[in-house]
């Protein structure tokens, strides 16, 4: 298994993520594109010392954005994972202000 810090890149802090955390005990992370669900589950359990119930993943394709001088360039594709924890587990994620 790869190093867990290479699999989990960062936590996604958004309004939708906050609602999922409060209602369903789910957390959203940006993960390595080559990581599978089993690797993501083990990495979360090792890094945060919690029990993971299930993992859902999706690949978000990069959009075409305008860059300098009216040219268009693609943004990179990225993968996110929605991780649901067991009932009594939680993760403290601090937002940098």
Protein backbone atom coordinates (compact mmCIF):
# COMPACT_ATOMS: atom_id res chain seq x y z
CA UNK A 1 0.00 0.00 0.00
CA UNK A 2 1.13 3.52 -0.76
CA UNK A 3 1.74 6.11 1.93
CA UNK A 4 -1.66 7.35 3.21
CA UNK A 5 -0.53 10.97 2.92
CA UNK A 6 -0.02 10.48 -0.83
CA UNK A 7 -3.49 8.96 -1.28
CA UNK A 8 -5.46 11.63 0.64
CA UNK A 9 -4.56 15.05 -0.76
CA UNK A 10 -6.93 17.36 1.13
CA UNK A 11 -10.39 17.67 2.62
CA UNK A 12 -13.03 19.49 0.59
CA UNK A 13 -14.76 22.10 2.71
CA UNK A 14 -17.98 23.23 1.05
CA UNK A 15 -21.59 23.91 1.94
CA UNK A 16 -22.68 20.54 0.58
CA UNK A 17 -19.92 18.82 2.52
CA UNK A 18 -21.00 20.52 5.74
CA UNK A 19 -24.57 19.29 5.28
CA UNK A 20 -23.37 15.75 4.57
CA UNK A 21 -21.19 15.84 7.68
CA UNK A 22 -24.03 16.96 9.93
CA UNK A 23 -26.81 14.73 8.59
CA UNK A 24 -25.13 11.55 7.38
CA UNK A 25 -21.63 11.53 8.97
CA UNK A 26 -19.97 11.74 5.53
CA UNK A 27 -16.76 13.59 4.66
CA UNK A 28 -15.43 14.62 1.23
CA UNK A 29 -11.74 14.34 0.30
CA UNK A 30 -9.66 15.02 -2.82
CA UNK A 31 -7.70 11.82 -3.45
CA UNK A 32 -5.07 10.50 -5.84
CA UNK A 33 -6.54 9.57 -9.24
CA UNK A 34 -4.99 6.10 -9.19
CA UNK A 35 -6.24 5.20 -5.67
CA UNK A 36 -9.04 2.66 -5.32
CA UNK A 37 -11.74 2.43 -2.63
CA UNK A 38 -9.85 -0.08 -0.49
CA UNK A 39 -6.71 2.09 -0.41
CA UNK A 40 -8.78 5.19 0.42
CA UNK A 41 -10.56 3.37 3.26
CA UNK A 42 -7.30 2.15 4.79
CA UNK A 43 -5.66 5.58 4.43
CA UNK A 44 -8.54 7.35 6.22
CA UNK A 45 -8.53 4.76 9.01
CA UNK A 46 -4.76 5.14 9.50
CA UNK A 47 -4.58 8.95 9.27
CA UNK A 48 -7.62 9.84 11.38
CA UNK A 49 -7.94 6.67 13.53
CA UNK A 50 -11.64 6.19 12.76
CA UNK A 51 -13.76 3.31 11.44
CA UNK A 52 -14.96 3.75 7.83
CA UNK A 53 -18.30 2.24 6.79
CA UNK A 54 -18.15 2.82 3.03
CA UNK A 55 -16.44 4.87 0.32
CA UNK A 56 -17.87 6.33 -2.88
CA UNK A 57 -15.57 7.80 -5.52
CA UNK A 58 -15.99 9.93 -8.62
CA UNK A 59 -13.71 11.51 -11.19
CA UNK A 60 -14.38 15.16 -11.95
CA UNK A 61 -13.22 16.14 -15.42
CA UNK A 62 -11.36 19.42 -15.81
CA UNK A 63 -13.17 22.30 -17.45
CA UNK A 64 -11.89 24.45 -20.27
CA UNK A 65 -10.96 27.87 -18.88
CA UNK A 66 -9.72 31.03 -20.51
CA UNK A 67 -6.12 31.87 -19.77
CA UNK A 68 -3.92 34.72 -20.94
CA UNK A 69 -4.68 36.63 -24.14
CA UNK A 70 -8.03 34.92 -24.75
CA UNK A 71 -6.53 31.47 -25.15
CA UNK A 72 -8.27 28.44 -23.71
CA UNK A 73 -6.60 25.79 -21.61
CA UNK A 74 -7.85 22.72 -19.77
CA UNK A 75 -7.91 22.37 -15.98
CA UNK A 76 -6.71 18.99 -14.70
CA UNK A 77 -9.02 16.06 -13.92
CA UNK A 78 -9.32 15.18 -10.23
CA UNK A 79 -10.88 12.47 -8.11
CA UNK A 80 -12.96 12.89 -4.97
CA UNK A 81 -14.11 10.40 -2.38
CA UNK A 82 -17.16 10.60 -0.14
CA UNK A 83 -16.37 8.64 3.02
CA UNK A 84 -19.08 7.54 5.46
CA UNK A 85 -17.93 6.79 8.98
CA UNK A 86 -19.38 4.44 11.58
CA UNK A 87 -21.98 5.87 13.96
CA UNK A 88 -19.81 7.14 16.84
CA UNK A 89 -16.78 8.30 14.79
CA UNK A 90 -15.99 11.81 13.62
CA UNK A 91 -13.10 13.74 12.07
CA UNK A 92 -12.02 17.20 13.20
CA UNK A 93 -11.25 19.23 10.06
CA UNK A 94 -10.08 22.78 10.67
CA UNK A 95 -10.66 25.39 8.02
CA UNK A 96 -7.71 27.73 7.41
CA UNK A 97 -8.84 31.34 7.66
